[in-house]
C-alpha atoms as a PDB file:
ATOM      1  CA  MET A   1       0.028  -0.029  -0.006  1.00  0.00           C
ATOM      2  CA  THR A   2       1.403   3.270  -0.975  1.00  0.00           C
ATOM      3  CA  GLN A   3       1.252   6.067   1.417  1.00  0.00           C
ATOM      4  CA  THR A   4       1.051   9.891   0.629  1.00  0.00           C
ATOM      5  CA  ARG A   5       3.914  11.734   1.930  1.00  0.00           C
ATOM      6  CA  PRO A   6       2.878  15.091   3.691  1.00  0.00           C
ATOM      7  CA  GLY A   7       4.944  17.762   2.270  1.00  0.00           C
ATOM      8  CA  GLY A   8       5.637  15.726  -0.847  1.00  0.00           C
ATOM      9  CA  ARG A   9       5.819  16.789  -4.527  1.00  0.00           C
ATOM     10  CA  THR A  10       2.128  17.790  -4.598  1.00  0.00           C
ATOM     11  CA  ALA A  11       2.468  19.996  -1.575  1.00  0.00           C
ATOM     12  CA  ARG A  12       5.567  21.641  -3.025  1.00  0.00           C
ATOM     13  CA  THR A  13       3.897  22.084  -6.422  1.00  0.00           C
ATOM     14  CA  ARG A  14       0.792  23.726  -4.717  1.00  0.00           C
ATOM     15  CA  ALA A  15       3.142  26.065  -2.637  1.00  0.00           C
ATOM     16  CA  ALA A  16       5.139  27.022  -5.818  1.00  0.00           C
ATOM     17  CA  VAL A  17       1.994  27.784  -7.759  1.00  0.00           C
ATOM     18  CA  LEU A  18       0.307  29.786  -5.120  1.00  0.00           C
ATOM     19  CA  THR A  19       3.564  31.744  -4.479  1.00  0.00           C
ATOM     20  CA  ALA A  20       3.771  32.366  -8.152  1.00  0.00           C
ATOM     21  CA  THR A  21       0.176  33.454  -8.118  1.00  0.00           C
ATOM     22  CA  VAL A  22       0.896  36.062  -5.554  1.00  0.00           C
ATOM     23  CA  ASP A  23       4.050  37.213  -7.260  1.00  0.00           C
ATOM     24  CA  GLU A  24       2.004  37.632 -10.502  1.00  0.00           C
ATOM     25  CA  LEU A  25      -0.539  39.655  -8.619  1.00  0.00           C
ATOM     26  CA  ILE A  26       2.253  41.949  -7.170  1.00  0.00           C
ATOM     27  CA  GLU A  27       3.731  42.408 -10.554  1.00  0.00           C
ATOM     28  CA  THR A  28       0.613  42.692 -12.788  1.00  0.00           C
ATOM     29  CA  GLY A  29      -2.419  42.893 -10.611  1.00  0.00           C
ATOM     30  CA  TYR A  30      -5.412  40.669 -11.062  1.00  0.00           C
ATOM     31  CA  ALA A  31      -6.213  42.109 -14.548  1.00  0.00           C
ATOM     32  CA  GLY A  32      -2.865  40.747 -15.757  1.00  0.00           C
ATOM     33  CA  LEU A  33      -3.103  37.436 -13.994  1.00  0.00           C
ATOM     34  CA  SER A  34      -3.256  34.259 -16.230  1.00  0.00           C
ATOM     35  CA  MET A  35      -2.966  30.557 -15.663  1.00  0.00           C
ATOM     36  CA  GLU A  36      -0.166  30.448 -18.174  1.00  0.00           C
ATOM     37  CA  SER A  37       1.917  33.265 -16.584  1.00  0.00           C
ATOM     38  CA  VAL A  38       1.506  31.507 -13.099  1.00  0.00           C
ATOM     39  CA  ALA A  39       2.572  28.101 -14.614  1.00  0.00           C
ATOM     40  CA  HIS A  40       5.565  29.611 -16.145  1.00  0.00           C
ATOM     41  CA  ARG A  41       6.623  31.389 -13.037  1.00  0.00           C
ATOM     42  CA  ALA A  42       6.168  28.372 -10.924  1.00  0.00           C
ATOM     43  CA  GLY A  43       8.125  26.148 -13.317  1.00  0.00           C
ATOM     44  CA  VAL A  44       5.188  23.714 -13.937  1.00  0.00           C
ATOM     45  CA  HIS A  45       3.286  22.782 -17.019  1.00  0.00           C
ATOM     46  CA  LYS A  46       0.032  24.803 -17.415  1.00  0.00           C
ATOM     47  CA  ALA A  47      -1.928  21.569 -17.690  1.00  0.00           C
ATOM     48  CA  THR A  48      -0.931  21.040 -14.066  1.00  0.00           C
ATOM     49  CA  VAL A  49      -2.446  24.408 -13.080  1.00  0.00           C
ATOM     50  CA  TYR A  50      -5.692  23.917 -14.974  1.00  0.00           C
ATOM     51  CA  ARG A  51      -6.193  20.269 -13.834  1.00  0.00           C
ATOM     52  CA  ARG A  52      -5.659  21.410 -10.094  1.00  0.00           C
ATOM     53  CA  TRP A  53      -7.488  24.812 -10.035  1.00  0.00           C
ATOM     54  CA  GLY A  54      -9.637  24.881 -13.177  1.00  0.00           C
ATOM     55  CA  THR A  55     -10.106  28.645 -13.310  1.00  0.00           C
ATOM     56  CA  LEU A  56      -8.398  31.816 -12.258  1.00  0.00           C
ATOM     57  CA  GLU A  57     -10.969  32.253  -9.671  1.00  0.00           C
ATOM     58  CA  GLY A  58     -10.250  28.798  -8.214  1.00  0.00           C
ATOM     59  CA  LEU A  59      -6.456  29.625  -8.256  1.00  0.00           C
ATOM     60  CA  LEU A  60      -7.167  32.947  -6.475  1.00  0.00           C
ATOM     61  CA  VAL A  61      -9.434  31.432  -3.906  1.00  0.00           C
ATOM     62  CA  ASP A  62      -6.683  28.764  -3.002  1.00  0.00           C
ATOM     63  CA  ALA A  63      -4.030  31.488  -2.869  1.00  0.00           C
ATOM     64  CA  LEU A  64      -6.153  33.709  -0.609  1.00  0.00           C
ATOM     65  CA  THR A  65      -7.006  30.718   1.722  1.00  0.00           C
ATOM     66  CA  PHE A  66      -3.249  29.580   1.612  1.00  0.00           C
ATOM     67  CA  PHE A  67      -1.831  32.993   2.609  1.00  0.00           C
ATOM     68  CA  ALA A  68      -4.617  34.197   4.821  1.00  0.00           C
ATOM     69  CA  ASP A  69      -4.777  31.068   6.825  1.00  0.00           C
ATOM     70  CA  GLN A  70      -2.506  32.357   9.533  1.00  0.00           C
ATOM     71  CA  SER A  71      -4.099  32.539  12.881  1.00  0.00           C
ATOM     72  CA  VAL A  72      -3.586  36.009  14.495  1.00  0.00           C
ATOM     73  CA  PRO A  73      -3.874  35.827  18.375  1.00  0.00           C
ATOM     74  CA  THR A  74      -6.717  37.913  19.830  1.00  0.00           C
ATOM     75  CA  PRO A  75      -5.216  41.007  21.497  1.00  0.00           C
ATOM     76  CA  ASP A  76      -5.742  41.035  25.308  1.00  0.00           C
ATOM     77  CA  THR A  77      -3.926  44.086  26.692  1.00  0.00           C
ATOM     78  CA  GLY A  78      -6.318  44.742  29.562  1.00  0.00           C
ATOM     79  CA  ASP A  79      -8.247  47.545  28.077  1.00  0.00           C
ATOM     80  CA  ILE A  80     -10.288  48.352  24.964  1.00  0.00           C
ATOM     81  CA  ASP A  81      -7.887  51.044  23.778  1.00  0.00           C
ATOM     82  CA  GLY A  82      -4.921  48.593  23.857  1.00  0.00           C
ATOM     83  CA  ASP A  83      -6.847  45.782  22.305  1.00  0.00           C
ATOM     84  CA  LEU A  84      -8.003  48.051  19.356  1.00  0.00           C
ATOM     85  CA  ARG A  85      -4.558  49.405  18.853  1.00  0.00           C
ATOM     86  CA  GLU A  86      -3.057  45.959  18.641  1.00  0.00           C
ATOM     87  CA  LEU A  87      -5.911  44.842  16.200  1.00  0.00           C
ATOM     88  CA  ALA A  88      -5.339  47.943  14.046  1.00  0.00           C
ATOM     89  CA  ARG A  89      -1.649  47.302  14.073  1.00  0.00           C
ATOM     90  CA  SER A  90      -2.169  43.641  12.874  1.00  0.00           C
ATOM     91  CA  ALA A  91      -4.253  44.876  10.089  1.00  0.00           C
ATOM     92  CA  LEU A  92      -1.472  47.429   9.159  1.00  0.00           C
ATOM     93  CA  ALA A  93       1.038  44.574   9.154  1.00  0.00           C
ATOM     94  CA  VAL A  94      -1.021  42.816   6.530  1.00  0.00           C
ATOM     95  CA  LEU A  95      -1.808  45.918   4.437  1.00  0.00           C
ATOM     96  CA  ALA A  96       1.606  47.284   4.469  1.00  0.00           C
ATOM     97  CA  ASP A  97       3.137  43.982   3.153  1.00  0.00           C
ATOM     98  CA  ARG A  98       3.350  43.505  -0.643  1.00  0.00           C
ATOM     99  CA  THR A  99       1.798  40.000  -0.496  1.00  0.00           C
ATOM    100  CA  GLY A 100      -1.143  41.399   1.696  1.00  0.00           C
ATOM    101  CA  GLN A 101      -1.623  44.381  -0.690  1.00  0.00           C
ATOM    102  CA  ALA A 102      -1.707  42.187  -3.667  1.00  0.00           C
ATOM    103  CA  LEU A 103      -4.220  39.770  -2.198  1.00  0.00           C
ATOM    104  CA  VAL A 104      -6.541  42.559  -0.904  1.00  0.00           C
ATOM    105  CA  ARG A 105      -6.477  44.345  -4.329  1.00  0.00           C
ATOM    106  CA  ALA A 106      -7.243  40.987  -6.001  1.00  0.00           C
ATOM    107  CA  MET A 107     -10.109  40.439  -3.659  1.00  0.00           C
ATOM    108  CA  VAL A 108     -11.518  43.745  -4.488  1.00  0.00           C
ATOM    109  CA  SER A 109     -11.184  43.047  -8.333  1.00  0.00           C
ATOM    110  CA  ALA A 110     -12.504  39.539  -8.114  1.00  0.00           C
ATOM    111  CA  GLY A 111     -15.050  39.923  -5.292  1.00  0.00           C
ATOM    112  CA  HIS A 112     -17.978  39.545  -7.762  1.00  0.00           C
ATOM    113  CA  HIS A 113     -17.052  35.915  -8.342  1.00  0.00           C
ATOM    114  CA  SER A 114     -19.078  33.734  -5.922  1.00  0.00           C
ATOM    115  CA  GLN A 115     -16.096  31.705  -4.809  1.00  0.00           C
ATOM    116  CA  VAL A 116     -14.088  34.648  -3.968  1.00  0.00           C
ATOM    117  CA  ALA A 117     -16.955  36.308  -2.290  1.00  0.00           C
ATOM    118  CA  GLN A 118     -17.283  33.338  -0.190  1.00  0.00           C
ATOM    119  CA  VAL A 119     -13.720  33.550   1.069  1.00  0.00           C
ATOM    120  CA  ILE A 120     -14.191  37.154   1.875  1.00  0.00           C
ATOM    121  CA  ARG A 121     -17.258  36.604   3.934  1.00  0.00           C
ATOM    122  CA  ALA A 122     -15.584  33.591   5.801  1.00  0.00           C
ATOM    123  CA  PHE A 123     -12.595  35.992   6.552  1.00  0.00           C
ATOM    124  CA  TRP A 124     -14.691  38.678   7.905  1.00  0.00           C
ATOM    125  CA  ALA A 125     -16.847  36.280   9.901  1.00  0.00           C
ATOM    126  CA  ASP A 126     -13.568  35.031  11.623  1.00  0.00           C
ATOM    127  CA  HIS A 127     -12.406  38.481  12.152  1.00  0.00           C
ATOM    128  CA  THR A 128     -15.776  39.599  13.646  1.00  0.00           C
ATOM    129  CA  THR A 129     -15.679  36.471  16.047  1.00  0.00           C
ATOM    130  CA  MET A 130     -12.258  37.725  17.234  1.00  0.00           C
ATOM    131  CA  VAL A 131     -13.577  41.294  17.713  1.00  0.00           C
ATOM    132  CA  ALA A 132     -16.614  39.916  19.509  1.00  0.00           C
ATOM    133  CA  GLU A 133     -14.301  38.485  22.169  1.00  0.00           C
ATOM    134  CA  ILE A 134     -12.528  41.850  22.678  1.00  0.00           C
ATOM    135  CA  VAL A 135     -15.935  43.637  22.791  1.00  0.00           C
ATOM    136  CA  ALA A 136     -17.242  41.059  25.304  1.00  0.00           C
ATOM    137  CA  ARG A 137     -14.228  41.526  27.660  1.00  0.00           C
ATOM    138  CA  ALA A 138     -14.717  45.382  27.328  1.00  0.00           C
ATOM    139  CA  VAL A 139     -18.363  45.163  28.174  1.00  0.00           C
ATOM    140  CA  ARG A 140     -17.571  43.012  31.277  1.00  0.00           C
ATOM    141  CA  ARG A 141     -15.080  45.661  32.339  1.00  0.00           C
ATOM    142  CA  GLY A 142     -17.706  48.363  31.984  1.00  0.00           C
ATOM    143  CA  GLU A 143     -15.748  50.101  29.158  1.00  0.00           C
ATOM    144  CA  LEU A 144     -18.444  49.667  26.425  1.00  0.00           C
ATOM    145  CA  PRO A 145     -22.325  49.567  26.319  1.00  0.00           C
ATOM    146  CA  PRO A 146     -23.516  45.914  26.661  1.00  0.00           C
ATOM    147  CA  ASP A 147     -25.219  46.038  23.144  1.00  0.00           C
ATOM    148  CA  THR A 148     -22.072  47.082  21.305  1.00  0.00           C
ATOM    149  CA  ARG A 149     -22.136  45.472  17.841  1.00  0.00           C
ATOM    150  CA  PRO A 150     -18.717  43.678  17.138  1.00  0.00           C
ATOM    151  CA  ALA A 151     -19.209  43.573  13.410  1.00  0.00           C
ATOM    152  CA  ASP A 152     -19.366  47.427  13.339  1.00  0.00           C
ATOM    153  CA  VAL A 153     -16.419  47.762  15.531  1.00  0.00           C
ATOM    154  CA  SER A 154     -14.485  45.443  13.324  1.00  0.00           C
ATOM    155  CA  ARG A 155     -15.375  47.275  10.066  1.00  0.00           C
ATOM    156  CA  ALA A 156     -14.585  50.680  11.669  1.00  0.00           C
ATOM    157  CA  VAL A 157     -11.135  49.706  12.852  1.00  0.00           C
ATOM    158  CA  GLY A 158     -10.048  48.610   9.381  1.00  0.00           C
ATOM    159  CA  ALA A 159     -11.930  50.988   7.244  1.00  0.00           C
ATOM    160  CA  PRO A 160      -9.414  53.936   7.401  1.00  0.00           C
ATOM    161  CA  LEU A 161      -6.568  51.606   6.523  1.00  0.00           C
ATOM    162  CA  TYR A 162      -8.282  49.987   3.533  1.00  0.00           C
ATOM    163  CA  MET A 163      -9.274  53.460   2.495  1.00  0.00           C
ATOM    164  CA  ARG A 164      -5.557  54.540   2.518  1.00  0.00           C
ATOM    165  CA  LEU A 165      -4.476  51.433   0.658  1.00  0.00           C
ATOM    166  CA  LEU A 166      -7.273  51.309  -2.072  1.00  0.00           C
ATOM    167  CA  VAL A 167      -8.515  54.844  -2.609  1.00  0.00           C
ATOM    168  CA  THR A 168      -6.304  57.726  -1.335  1.00  0.00           C
ATOM    169  CA  ALA A 169      -2.775  56.021  -1.590  1.00  0.00           C
ATOM    170  CA  GLU A 170      -1.820  57.717   1.771  1.00  0.00           C
ATOM    171  CA  PRO A 171       0.923  56.160   3.751  1.00  0.00           C
ATOM    172  CA  LEU A 172       0.153  53.066   5.723  1.00  0.00           C
ATOM    173  CA  ASP A 173       1.930  53.624   9.085  1.00  0.00           C
ATOM    174  CA  SER A 174       1.542  53.019  12.896  1.00  0.00           C
ATOM    175  CA  ALA A 175       0.231  56.579  13.326  1.00  0.00           C
ATOM    176  CA  ALA A 176      -2.747  55.790  10.917  1.00  0.00           C
ATOM    177  CA  ALA A 177      -3.493  52.605  12.782  1.00  0.00           C
ATOM    178  CA  ASP A 178      -3.279  54.035  16.121  1.00  0.00           C
ATOM    179  CA  GLN A 179      -5.572  56.987  15.056  1.00  0.00           C
ATOM    180  CA  ALA A 180      -8.161  54.567  13.683  1.00  0.00           C
ATOM    181  CA  ALA A 181      -8.063  52.568  16.885  1.00  0.00           C
ATOM    182  CA  ALA A 182      -8.359  55.602  19.142  1.00  0.00           C
ATOM    183  CA  ALA A 183     -11.396  56.916  17.110  1.00  0.00           C
ATOM    184  CA  VAL A 184     -13.221  53.604  17.195  1.00  0.00           C
ATOM    185  CA  ALA A 185     -12.596  53.242  20.954  1.00  0.00           C
ATOM    186  CA  ALA A 186     -13.975  56.668  21.588  1.00  0.00           C
ATOM    187  CA  ALA A 187     -16.928  56.050  19.252  1.00  0.00           C
ATOM    188  CA  ALA A 188     -17.672  52.686  20.990  1.00  0.00           C
ATOM    189  CA  ARG A 189     -17.556  54.126  24.390  1.00  0.00           C
ATOM    190  CA  ALA A 190     -20.046  56.828  23.290  1.00  0.00           C
ATOM    191  CA  GLY A 191     -22.353  54.196  22.129  1.00  0.00           C
ATOM    192  CA  VAL A 192     -22.068  54.789  18.404  1.00  0.00           C
ATOM    193  CA  PHE A 193     -21.878  51.060  17.745  1.00  0.00           C
ATOM    194  CA  ALA A 194     -24.586  50.054  20.195  1.00  0.00           C
ATOM    195  CA  SER A 195     -27.880  48.483  19.058  1.00  0.00           C
ATOM    196  CA  SER A 196     -30.101  50.957  21.065  1.00  0.00           C
END
């Protein structure tokens, strides 16, 4: 009986193709991405890429999953200000990185495809679950109203950073992340994100 070796040729081929996909996205953007260019860059036959991923969207979905599947610990600094600052700085680390930028831009470009939209929804659901834990702790400490909506807090922390990356092309730096976190903490305390 033949056993499949974890980390064998299939895993190496997948990693090479997904790395090549991101490199192509960095160089040409989603509009310039092709199965052929990815295969060439990865050093594999294009038939391998078509057989495994089928479409550009399938390839992008796997790349998004492969590179985004890194668990980020939920911040727990002891207060809402520190937690949101750490959360914003984690987002900044992704958005300031060339790989993160390429994948975010590709998500925006290909977000109308159902498979890609599904990955985006899953990512934000996971992120909102993490923020819900931060909000719940802050509510228990009496820092936030009990009916604070975690999804709104999550969107508000990231929005200024995504705006800088995708719209205004302003610098992505720790000052921007800290400002976003401070604004969201103040708004959350004031009940802006509360259901009532």
